[in-house]
């Protein structure tokens, strides 16, 4: 039996103030964004020979949703753009259907 784990940790500064959004038929949810920066070196076998040009980076914006009662209210009330936070949670890709049923 193979086990799997869905766990993520993000550390960064909030991109925009959190908002509260009402999801159809659900309780309100607090939403905000948090960037994550990845850095890597193209030639790890020859680290000593790498120049600064060999280092690459990529910024990914993560849209985060807080559903837990109490925590979503505290997040909305106290977290602001520029606040540095650490998040631990799970990745859950929601499904979306547009007006063309795609």
PDB file of N, CA and C in Angstrom:
ATOM      1  N   UNK A   1       0.849  -1.181   0.000  1.00  0.00           N
ATOM      2  CA  UNK A   1       0.000   0.000   0.000  1.00  0.00           C
ATOM      3  C   UNK A   1       0.893   1.242   0.000  1.00  0.00           C
ATOM      4  N   UNK A   2       0.669   2.126  -0.972  1.00  0.00           N
ATOM      5  CA  UNK A   2       1.435   3.361  -1.088  1.00  0.00           C
ATOM      6  C   UNK A   2       0.644   4.484  -0.431  1.00  0.00           C
ATOM      7  N   UNK A   3       1.308   5.227   0.428  1.00  0.00           N
ATOM      8  CA  UNK A   3       0.626   6.359   1.061  1.00  0.00           C
ATOM      9  C   UNK A   3       1.018   7.651   0.356  1.00  0.00           C
ATOM     10  N   UNK A   4       0.165   8.639   0.462  1.00  0.00           N
ATOM     11  CA  UNK A   4       0.417   9.937  -0.150  1.00  0.00           C
ATOM     12  C   UNK A   4       0.070  11.024   0.856  1.00  0.00           C
ATOM     13  N   UNK A   5       0.621  12.211   0.631  1.00  0.00           N
ATOM     14  CA  UNK A   5       0.365  13.304   1.549  1.00  0.00           C
ATOM     15  C   UNK A   5       0.133  14.580   0.751  1.00  0.00           C
ATOM     16  N   UNK A   6      -0.850  15.357   1.144  1.00  0.00           N
ATOM     17  CA  UNK A   6      -1.147  16.639   0.525  1.00  0.00           C
ATOM     18  C   UNK A   6      -0.922  17.720   1.575  1.00  0.00           C
ATOM     19  N   UNK A   7       0.291  18.278   1.599  1.00  0.00           N
ATOM     20  CA  UNK A   7       0.650  19.281   2.599  1.00  0.00           C
ATOM     21  C   UNK A   7       1.540  20.328   1.938  1.00  0.00           C
ATOM     22  N   UNK A   8       1.279  21.590   2.235  1.00  0.00           N
ATOM     23  CA  UNK A   8       2.079  22.662   1.648  1.00  0.00           C
ATOM     24  C   UNK A   8       2.366  23.712   2.719  1.00  0.00           C
ATOM     25  N   UNK A   9       3.565  24.293   2.652  1.00  0.00           N
ATOM     26  CA  UNK A   9       3.940  25.415   3.512  1.00  0.00           C
ATOM     27  C   UNK A   9       4.391  26.554   2.613  1.00  0.00           C
ATOM     28  N   UNK A  10       3.885  27.744   2.883  1.00  0.00           N
ATOM     29  CA  UNK A  10       4.267  28.933   2.134  1.00  0.00           C
ATOM     30  C   UNK A  10       4.657  30.022   3.119  1.00  0.00           C
ATOM     31  N   UNK A  11       5.703  30.759   2.789  1.00  0.00           N
ATOM     32  CA  UNK A  11       6.166  31.874   3.601  1.00  0.00           C
ATOM     33  C   UNK A  11       6.329  33.059   2.669  1.00  0.00           C
ATOM     34  N   UNK A  12       5.743  34.180   3.023  1.00  0.00           N
ATOM     35  CA  UNK A  12       5.883  35.346   2.168  1.00  0.00           C
ATOM     36  C   UNK A  12       5.079  36.521   2.678  1.00  0.00           C
ATOM     37  N   UNK A  13       5.015  37.551   1.830  1.00  0.00           N
ATOM     38  CA  UNK A  13       4.274  38.757   2.169  1.00  0.00           C
ATOM     39  C   UNK A  13       2.993  38.813   1.352  1.00  0.00           C
ATOM     40  N   UNK A  14       1.904  39.133   2.014  1.00  0.00           N
ATOM     41  CA  UNK A  14       0.591  39.195   1.387  1.00  0.00           C
ATOM     42  C   UNK A  14       0.608  40.213   0.250  1.00  0.00           C
ATOM     43  N   UNK A  15       0.027  39.848  -0.898  1.00  0.00           N
ATOM     44  CA  UNK A  15       0.008  40.723  -2.065  1.00  0.00           C
ATOM     45  C   UNK A  15      -1.048  41.813  -1.996  1.00  0.00           C
ATOM     46  N   UNK A  16      -2.235  41.485  -1.515  1.00  0.00           N
ATOM     47  CA  UNK A  16      -3.341  42.438  -1.380  1.00  0.00           C
ATOM     48  C   UNK A  16      -4.083  42.154  -0.086  1.00  0.00           C
ATOM     49  N   UNK A  17      -4.791  43.151   0.413  1.00  0.00           N
ATOM     50  CA  UNK A  17      -5.616  42.925   1.599  1.00  0.00           C
ATOM     51  C   UNK A  17      -6.606  41.796   1.332  1.00  0.00           C
ATOM     52  N   UNK A  18      -6.874  40.961   2.319  1.00  0.00           N
ATOM     53  CA  UNK A  18      -7.848  39.876   2.151  1.00  0.00           C
ATOM     54  C   UNK A  18      -9.250  40.426   1.879  1.00  0.00           C
ATOM     55  N   UNK A  19     -10.038  39.632   1.173  1.00  0.00           N
ATOM     56  CA  UNK A  19     -11.440  39.964   0.938  1.00  0.00           C
ATOM     57  C   UNK A  19     -12.293  38.800   1.434  1.00  0.00           C
ATOM     58  N   UNK A  20     -13.539  39.087   1.740  1.00  0.00           N
ATOM     59  CA  UNK A  20     -14.482  38.023   2.086  1.00  0.00           C
ATOM     60  C   UNK A  20     -15.410  37.852   0.897  1.00  0.00           C
ATOM     61  N   UNK A  21     -15.554  36.608   0.464  1.00  0.00           N
ATOM     62  CA  UNK A  21     -16.406  36.312  -0.684  1.00  0.00           C
ATOM     63  C   UNK A  21     -17.425  35.257  -0.289  1.00  0.00           C
ATOM     64  N   UNK A  22     -18.650  35.480  -0.723  1.00  0.00           N
ATOM     65  CA  UNK A  22     -19.723  34.515  -0.476  1.00  0.00           C
ATOM     66  C   UNK A  22     -19.743  33.520  -1.628  1.00  0.00           C
ATOM     67  N   UNK A  23     -19.577  32.247  -1.314  1.00  0.00           N
ATOM     68  CA  UNK A  23     -19.621  31.184  -2.312  1.00  0.00           C
ATOM     69  C   UNK A  23     -21.047  30.642  -2.324  1.00  0.00           C
ATOM     70  N   UNK A  24     -21.577  30.367  -3.515  1.00  0.00           N
ATOM     71  CA  UNK A  24     -22.961  29.898  -3.648  1.00  0.00           C
ATOM     72  C   UNK A  24     -23.295  28.779  -2.679  1.00  0.00           C
ATOM     73  N   UNK A  25     -24.307  29.010  -1.851  1.00  0.00           N
ATOM     74  CA  UNK A  25     -24.788  27.982  -0.943  1.00  0.00           C
ATOM     75  C   UNK A  25     -23.831  27.602   0.169  1.00  0.00           C
ATOM     76  N   UNK A  26     -22.754  28.334   0.328  1.00  0.00           N
ATOM     77  CA  UNK A  26     -21.746  28.017   1.346  1.00  0.00           C
ATOM     78  C   UNK A  26     -21.572  29.203   2.287  1.00  0.00           C
ATOM     79  N   UNK A  27     -20.824  28.982   3.341  1.00  0.00           N
ATOM     80  CA  UNK A  27     -20.460  30.065   4.252  1.00  0.00           C
ATOM     81  C   UNK A  27     -19.454  30.983   3.577  1.00  0.00           C
ATOM     82  N   UNK A  28     -19.360  32.240   4.010  1.00  0.00           N
ATOM     83  CA  UNK A  28     -18.361  33.148   3.437  1.00  0.00           C
ATOM     84  C   UNK A  28     -16.944  32.601   3.622  1.00  0.00           C
ATOM     85  N   UNK A  29     -16.044  32.980   2.711  1.00  0.00           N
ATOM     86  CA  UNK A  29     -14.660  32.526   2.750  1.00  0.00           C
ATOM     87  C   UNK A  29     -13.752  33.752   2.621  1.00  0.00           C
ATOM     88  N   UNK A  30     -12.620  33.752   3.337  1.00  0.00           N
ATOM     89  CA  UNK A  30     -11.639  34.831   3.231  1.00  0.00           C
ATOM     90  C   UNK A  30     -10.594  34.426   2.205  1.00  0.00           C
ATOM     91  N   UNK A  31     -10.310  35.333   1.264  1.00  0.00           N
ATOM     92  CA  UNK A  31      -9.400  35.041   0.147  1.00  0.00           C
ATOM     93  C   UNK A  31      -8.292  36.093   0.114  1.00  0.00           C
ATOM     94  N   UNK A  32      -7.059  35.639  -0.121  1.00  0.00           N
ATOM     95  CA  UNK A  32      -5.931  36.546  -0.315  1.00  0.00           C
ATOM     96  C   UNK A  32      -4.874  35.847  -1.154  1.00  0.00           C
ATOM     97  N   UNK A  33      -3.866  36.603  -1.597  1.00  0.00           N
ATOM     98  CA  UNK A  33      -2.808  36.030  -2.433  1.00  0.00           C
ATOM     99  C   UNK A  33      -1.461  36.141  -1.730  1.00  0.00           C
ATOM    100  N   UNK A  34      -0.617  35.152  -2.011  1.00  0.00           N
ATOM    101  CA  UNK A  34       0.710  35.082  -1.400  1.00  0.00           C
ATOM    102  C   UNK A  34       1.695  34.601  -2.466  1.00  0.00           C
ATOM    103  N   UNK A  35       2.751  35.375  -2.762  1.00  0.00           N
ATOM    104  CA  UNK A  35       3.718  34.930  -3.762  1.00  0.00           C
ATOM    105  C   UNK A  35       4.717  33.932  -3.183  1.00  0.00           C
ATOM    106  N   UNK A  36       5.191  33.053  -4.033  1.00  0.00           N
ATOM    107  CA  UNK A  36       6.268  32.126  -3.675  1.00  0.00           C
ATOM    108  C   UNK A  36       7.328  32.234  -4.767  1.00  0.00           C
ATOM    109  N   UNK A  37       8.567  32.402  -4.371  1.00  0.00           N
ATOM    110  CA  UNK A  37       9.667  32.561  -5.305  1.00  0.00           C
ATOM    111  C   UNK A  37      10.516  31.298  -5.311  1.00  0.00           C
ATOM    112  N   UNK A  38      10.736  30.736  -6.490  1.00  0.00           N
ATOM    113  CA  UNK A  38      11.603  29.560  -6.644  1.00  0.00           C
ATOM    114  C   UNK A  38      12.910  30.009  -7.284  1.00  0.00           C
ATOM    115  N   UNK A  39      14.019  29.485  -6.808  1.00  0.00           N
ATOM    116  CA  UNK A  39      15.320  29.750  -7.423  1.00  0.00           C
ATOM    117  C   UNK A  39      16.026  28.425  -7.661  1.00  0.00           C
ATOM    118  N   UNK A  40      16.706  28.306  -8.800  1.00  0.00           N
ATOM    119  CA  UNK A  40      17.443  27.090  -9.096  1.00  0.00           C
ATOM    120  C   UNK A  40      18.646  27.412  -9.977  1.00  0.00           C
ATOM    121  N   UNK A  41      19.592  26.490  -9.982  1.00  0.00           N
ATOM    122  CA  UNK A  41      20.802  26.617 -10.794  1.00  0.00           C
ATOM    123  C   UNK A  41      20.731  25.558 -11.882  1.00  0.00           C
ATOM    124  N   UNK A  42      20.996  25.959 -13.100  1.00  0.00           N
ATOM    125  CA  UNK A  42      20.854  25.049 -14.237  1.00  0.00           C
ATOM    126  C   UNK A  42      21.852  23.908 -14.231  1.00  0.00           C
ATOM    127  N   UNK A  43      23.049  24.105 -13.690  1.00  0.00           N
ATOM    128  CA  UNK A  43      24.092  23.081 -13.734  1.00  0.00           C
ATOM    129  C   UNK A  43      24.539  22.724 -12.316  1.00  0.00           C
ATOM    130  N   UNK A  44      23.739  21.957 -11.568  1.00  0.00           N
ATOM    131  CA  UNK A  44      24.085  21.680 -10.165  1.00  0.00           C
ATOM    132  C   UNK A  44      25.359  20.855  -9.998  1.00  0.00           C
ATOM    133  N   UNK A  45      25.770  20.111 -11.029  1.00  0.00           N
ATOM    134  CA  UNK A  45      26.968  19.277 -10.912  1.00  0.00           C
ATOM    135  C   UNK A  45      28.240  20.124 -10.898  1.00  0.00           C
ATOM    136  N   UNK A  46      28.157  21.329 -11.400  1.00  0.00           N
ATOM    137  CA  UNK A  46      29.340  22.193 -11.469  1.00  0.00           C
ATOM    138  C   UNK A  46      29.063  23.524 -10.763  1.00  0.00           C
ATOM    139  N   UNK A  47      28.596  23.445  -9.534  1.00  0.00           N
ATOM    140  CA  UNK A  47      28.228  24.649  -8.786  1.00  0.00           C
ATOM    141  C   UNK A  47      29.357  25.666  -8.713  1.00  0.00           C
ATOM    142  N   UNK A  48      30.585  25.194  -8.576  1.00  0.00           N
ATOM    143  CA  UNK A  48      31.705  26.114  -8.427  1.00  0.00           C
ATOM    144  C   UNK A  48      31.984  26.888  -9.709  1.00  0.00           C
ATOM    145  N   UNK A  49      31.540  26.364 -10.839  1.00  0.00           N
ATOM    146  CA  UNK A  49      31.799  27.019 -12.116  1.00  0.00           C
ATOM    147  C   UNK A  49      30.642  27.900 -12.568  1.00  0.00           C
ATOM    148  N   UNK A  50      29.536  27.886 -11.845  1.00  0.00           N
ATOM    149  CA  UNK A  50      28.356  28.651 -12.256  1.00  0.00           C
ATOM    150  C   UNK A  50      28.574  30.144 -12.039  1.00  0.00           C
ATOM    151  N   UNK A  51      28.062  30.902 -12.966  1.00  0.00           N
ATOM    152  CA  UNK A  51      28.058  32.353 -12.808  1.00  0.00           C
ATOM    153  C   UNK A  51      26.652  32.770 -12.413  1.00  0.00           C
ATOM    154  N   UNK A  52      26.498  34.029 -12.073  1.00  0.00           N
ATOM    155  CA  UNK A  52      25.191  34.524 -11.662  1.00  0.00           C
ATOM    156  C   UNK A  52      24.151  34.324 -12.764  1.00  0.00           C
ATOM    157  N   UNK A  53      24.579  34.326 -14.010  1.00  0.00           N
ATOM    158  CA  UNK A  53      23.661  34.133 -15.129  1.00  0.00           C
ATOM    159  C   UNK A  53      23.044  32.746 -15.166  1.00  0.00           C
ATOM    160  N   UNK A  54      23.631  31.779 -14.466  1.00  0.00           N
ATOM    161  CA  UNK A  54      23.102  30.423 -14.465  1.00  0.00           C
ATOM    162  C   UNK A  54      21.970  30.232 -13.456  1.00  0.00           C
ATOM    163  N   UNK A  55      21.731  31.223 -12.613  1.00  0.00           N
ATOM    164  CA  UNK A  55      20.676  31.121 -11.605  1.00  0.00           C
ATOM    165  C   UNK A  55      19.375  31.642 -12.204  1.00  0.00           C
ATOM    166  N   UNK A  56      18.327  30.857 -12.086  1.00  0.00           N
ATOM    167  CA  UNK A  56      17.013  31.259 -12.582  1.00  0.00           C
ATOM    168  C   UNK A  56      16.040  31.343 -11.419  1.00  0.00           C
ATOM    169  N   UNK A  57      14.990  32.119 -11.621  1.00  0.00           N
ATOM    170  CA  UNK A  57      13.960  32.200 -10.595  1.00  0.00           C
ATOM    171  C   UNK A  57      12.593  32.382 -11.236  1.00  0.00           C
ATOM    172  N   UNK A  58      11.575  31.994 -10.485  1.00  0.00           N
ATOM    173  CA  UNK A  58      10.201  32.087 -10.967  1.00  0.00           C
ATOM    174  C   UNK A  58       9.308  32.468  -9.790  1.00  0.00           C
ATOM    175  N   UNK A  59       8.457  33.449 -10.004  1.00  0.00           N
ATOM    176  CA  UNK A  59       7.499  33.877  -8.984  1.00  0.00           C
ATOM    177  C   UNK A  59       6.139  33.267  -9.322  1.00  0.00           C
ATOM    178  N   UNK A  60       5.517  32.624  -8.344  1.00  0.00           N
ATOM    179  CA  UNK A  60       4.181  32.049  -8.507  1.00  0.00           C
ATOM    180  C   UNK A  60       3.266  32.685  -7.474  1.00  0.00           C
ATOM    181  N   UNK A  61       2.133  33.187  -7.933  1.00  0.00           N
ATOM    182  CA  UNK A  61       1.149  33.756  -7.016  1.00  0.00           C
ATOM    183  C   UNK A  61       0.161  32.675  -6.624  1.00  0.00           C
ATOM    184  N   UNK A  62      -0.012  32.491  -5.336  1.00  0.00           N
ATOM    185  CA  UNK A  62      -0.931  31.489  -4.800  1.00  0.00           C
ATOM    186  C   UNK A  62      -2.165  32.190  -4.257  1.00  0.00           C
ATOM    187  N   UNK A  63      -3.324  31.770  -4.742  1.00  0.00           N
ATOM    188  CA  UNK A  63      -4.584  32.300  -4.225  1.00  0.00           C
ATOM    189  C   UNK A  63      -5.018  31.387  -3.089  1.00  0.00           C
ATOM    190  N   UNK A  64      -5.133  31.947  -1.901  1.00  0.00           N
ATOM    191  CA  UNK A  64      -5.428  31.163  -0.711  1.00  0.00           C
ATOM    192  C   UNK A  64      -6.828  31.474  -0.203  1.00  0.00           C
ATOM    193  N   UNK A  65      -7.510  30.438   0.244  1.00  0.00           N
ATOM    194  CA  UNK A  65      -8.861  30.566   0.788  1.00  0.00           C
ATOM    195  C   UNK A  65      -8.878  30.018   2.206  1.00  0.00           C
ATOM    196  N   UNK A  66      -9.466  30.782   3.124  1.00  0.00           N
ATOM    197  CA  UNK A  66      -9.581  30.361   4.522  1.00  0.00           C
ATOM    198  C   UNK A  66     -11.055  30.078   4.794  1.00  0.00           C
ATOM    199  N   UNK A  67     -11.353  28.817   5.108  1.00  0.00           N
ATOM    200  CA  UNK A  67     -12.728  28.388   5.339  1.00  0.00           C
ATOM    201  C   UNK A  67     -13.060  28.240   6.819  1.00  0.00           C
ATOM    202  N   UNK A  68     -12.056  27.962   7.648  1.00  0.00           N
ATOM    203  CA  UNK A  68     -12.293  27.626   9.055  1.00  0.00           C
ATOM    204  C   UNK A  68     -12.924  28.801   9.804  1.00  0.00           C
ATOM    205  N   UNK A  69     -14.044  28.525  10.447  1.00  0.00           N
ATOM    206  CA  UNK A  69     -14.755  29.524  11.231  1.00  0.00           C
ATOM    207  C   UNK A  69     -13.822  30.084  12.303  1.00  0.00           C
ATOM    208  N   UNK A  70     -13.807  31.365  12.472  1.00  0.00           N
ATOM    209  CA  UNK A  70     -12.906  32.009  13.435  1.00  0.00           C
ATOM    210  C   UNK A  70     -11.606  32.415  12.772  1.00  0.00           C
ATOM    211  N   UNK A  71     -10.904  31.475  12.144  1.00  0.00           N
ATOM    212  CA  UNK A  71      -9.636  31.785  11.480  1.00  0.00           C
ATOM    213  C   UNK A  71      -9.860  32.704  10.287  1.00  0.00           C
ATOM    214  N   UNK A  72     -10.933  32.470   9.533  1.00  0.00           N
ATOM    215  CA  UNK A  72     -11.194  33.338   8.382  1.00  0.00           C
ATOM    216  C   UNK A  72     -11.500  34.766   8.825  1.00  0.00           C
ATOM    217  N   UNK A  73     -12.155  34.921   9.990  1.00  0.00           N
ATOM    218  CA  UNK A  73     -12.460  36.255  10.509  1.00  0.00           C
ATOM    219  C   UNK A  73     -11.200  36.955  11.014  1.00  0.00           C
ATOM    220  N   UNK A  74     -10.339  36.227  11.718  1.00  0.00           N
ATOM    221  CA  UNK A  74      -9.079  36.785  12.213  1.00  0.00           C
ATOM    222  C   UNK A  74      -8.195  37.185  11.033  1.00  0.00           C
ATOM    223  N   UNK A  75      -8.151  36.345  10.004  1.00  0.00           N
ATOM    224  CA  UNK A  75      -7.351  36.651   8.813  1.00  0.00           C
ATOM    225  C   UNK A  75      -7.833  37.946   8.174  1.00  0.00           C
ATOM    226  N   UNK A  76      -9.134  38.069   7.994  1.00  0.00           N
ATOM    227  CA  UNK A  76      -9.700  39.265   7.362  1.00  0.00           C
ATOM    228  C   UNK A  76      -9.450  40.515   8.205  1.00  0.00           C
ATOM    229  N   UNK A  77      -9.516  40.371   9.506  1.00  0.00           N
ATOM    230  CA  UNK A  77      -9.406  41.516  10.408  1.00  0.00           C
ATOM    231  C   UNK A  77      -7.966  42.009  10.587  1.00  0.00           C
ATOM    232  N   UNK A  78      -6.989  41.106  10.627  1.00  0.00           N
ATOM    233  CA  UNK A  78      -5.630  41.497  11.014  1.00  0.00           C
ATOM    234  C   UNK A  78      -4.570  41.402   9.915  1.00  0.00           C
ATOM    235  N   UNK A  79      -4.770  40.590   8.905  1.00  0.00           N
ATOM    236  CA  UNK A  79      -3.760  40.430   7.854  1.00  0.00           C
ATOM    237  C   UNK A  79      -3.949  41.531   6.811  1.00  0.00           C
ATOM    238  N   UNK A  80      -2.868  42.195   6.447  1.00  0.00           N
ATOM    239  CA  UNK A  80      -2.908  43.282   5.475  1.00  0.00           C
ATOM    240  C   UNK A  80      -1.814  43.106   4.432  1.00  0.00           C
ATOM    241  N   UNK A  81      -1.973  43.820   3.308  1.00  0.00           N
ATOM    242  CA  UNK A  81      -0.966  43.807   2.252  1.00  0.00           C
ATOM    243  C   UNK A  81       0.399  44.094   2.872  1.00  0.00           C
ATOM    244  N   UNK A  82       1.384  43.250   2.557  1.00  0.00           N
ATOM    245  CA  UNK A  82       2.735  43.413   3.085  1.00  0.00           C
ATOM    246  C   UNK A  82       3.007  42.617   4.350  1.00  0.00           C
ATOM    247  N   UNK A  83       1.947  42.125   5.010  1.00  0.00           N
ATOM    248  CA  UNK A  83       2.146  41.294   6.210  1.00  0.00           C
ATOM    249  C   UNK A  83       2.906  40.031   5.834  1.00  0.00           C
ATOM    250  N   UNK A  84       3.922  39.688   6.607  1.00  0.00           N
ATOM    251  CA  UNK A  84       4.644  38.442   6.362  1.00  0.00           C
ATOM    252  C   UNK A  84       4.003  37.334   7.189  1.00  0.00           C
ATOM    253  N   UNK A  85       3.631  36.255   6.518  1.00  0.00           N
ATOM    254  CA  UNK A  85       2.977  35.145   7.206  1.00  0.00           C
ATOM    255  C   UNK A  85       3.539  33.819   6.711  1.00  0.00           C
ATOM    256  N   UNK A  86       3.318  32.800   7.484  1.00  0.00           N
ATOM    257  CA  UNK A  86       3.617  31.434   7.063  1.00  0.00           C
ATOM    258  C   UNK A  86       2.296  30.671   7.099  1.00  0.00           C
ATOM    259  N   UNK A  87       2.063  29.926   6.052  1.00  0.00           N
ATOM    260  CA  UNK A  87       0.813  29.188   5.882  1.00  0.00           C
ATOM    261  C   UNK A  87       1.128  27.705   5.812  1.00  0.00           C
ATOM    262  N   UNK A  88       0.355  26.909   6.481  1.00  0.00           N
ATOM    263  CA  UNK A  88       0.432  25.460   6.326  1.00  0.00           C
ATOM    264  C   UNK A  88      -0.974  24.968   6.030  1.00  0.00           C
ATOM    265  N   UNK A  89      -1.092  24.172   4.993  1.00  0.00           N
ATOM    266  CA  UNK A  89      -2.410  23.680   4.608  1.00  0.00           C
ATOM    267  C   UNK A  89      -2.300  22.596   3.565  1.00  0.00           C
ATOM    268  N   UNK A  90      -3.351  22.470   2.750  1.00  0.00           N
ATOM    269  CA  UNK A  90      -3.359  21.481   1.679  1.00  0.00           C
ATOM    270  C   UNK A  90      -3.782  22.143   0.387  1.00  0.00           C
ATOM    271  N   UNK A  91      -3.388  21.546  -0.707  1.00  0.00           N
ATOM    272  CA  UNK A  91      -3.774  22.038  -2.021  1.00  0.00           C
ATOM    273  C   UNK A  91      -5.084  21.373  -2.408  1.00  0.00           C
ATOM    274  N   UNK A  92      -6.038  22.197  -2.821  1.00  0.00           N
ATOM    275  CA  UNK A  92      -7.334  21.698  -3.267  1.00  0.00           C
ATOM    276  C   UNK A  92      -7.717  22.491  -4.502  1.00  0.00           C
ATOM    277  N   UNK A  93      -7.633  21.866  -5.655  1.00  0.00           N
ATOM    278  CA  UNK A  93      -7.962  22.537  -6.899  1.00  0.00           C
ATOM    279  C   UNK A  93      -9.464  22.479  -7.106  1.00  0.00           C
ATOM    280  N   UNK A  94     -10.113  23.635  -7.038  1.00  0.00           N
ATOM    281  CA  UNK A  94     -11.558  23.696  -7.232  1.00  0.00           C
ATOM    282  C   UNK A  94     -11.912  23.518  -8.698  1.00  0.00           C
ATOM    283  N   UNK A  95     -13.134  23.113  -8.922  1.00  0.00           N
ATOM    284  CA  UNK A  95     -13.628  22.972 -10.289  1.00  0.00           C
ATOM    285  C   UNK A  95     -14.453  24.194 -10.650  1.00  0.00           C
ATOM    286  N   UNK A  96     -14.380  24.593 -11.918  1.00  0.00           N
ATOM    287  CA  UNK A  96     -15.084  25.770 -12.387  1.00  0.00           C
ATOM    288  C   UNK A  96     -15.696  25.453 -13.741  1.00  0.00           C
ATOM    289  N   UNK A  97     -16.943  25.820 -13.931  1.00  0.00           N
ATOM    290  CA  UNK A  97     -17.613  25.652 -15.221  1.00  0.00           C
ATOM    291  C   UNK A  97     -18.006  27.032 -15.720  1.00  0.00           C
ATOM    292  N   UNK A  98     -17.548  27.380 -16.931  1.00  0.00           N
ATOM    293  CA  UNK A  98     -17.881  28.697 -17.464  1.00  0.00           C
ATOM    294  C   UNK A  98     -19.261  28.687 -18.116  1.00  0.00           C
ATOM    295  N   UNK A  99     -19.630  29.801 -18.741  1.00  0.00           N
ATOM    296  CA  UNK A  99     -20.969  29.925 -19.324  1.00  0.00           C
ATOM    297  C   UNK A  99     -21.190  28.980 -20.503  1.00  0.00           C
ATOM    298  N   UNK A 100     -20.112  28.433 -21.077  1.00  0.00           N
ATOM    299  CA  UNK A 100     -20.219  27.468 -22.180  1.00  0.00           C
ATOM    300  C   UNK A 100     -20.151  26.028 -21.684  1.00  0.00           C
ATOM    301  N   UNK A 101     -20.288  25.836 -20.370  1.00  0.00           N
ATOM    302  CA  UNK A 101     -20.209  24.512 -19.738  1.00  0.00           C
ATOM    303  C   UNK A 101     -18.874  23.814 -19.968  1.00  0.00           C
ATOM    304  N   UNK A 102     -17.817  24.566 -20.014  1.00  0.00           N
ATOM    305  CA  UNK A 102     -16.467  24.015 -20.178  1.00  0.00           C
ATOM    306  C   UNK A 102     -15.744  24.102 -18.857  1.00  0.00           C
TER     307      UNK A 102
END
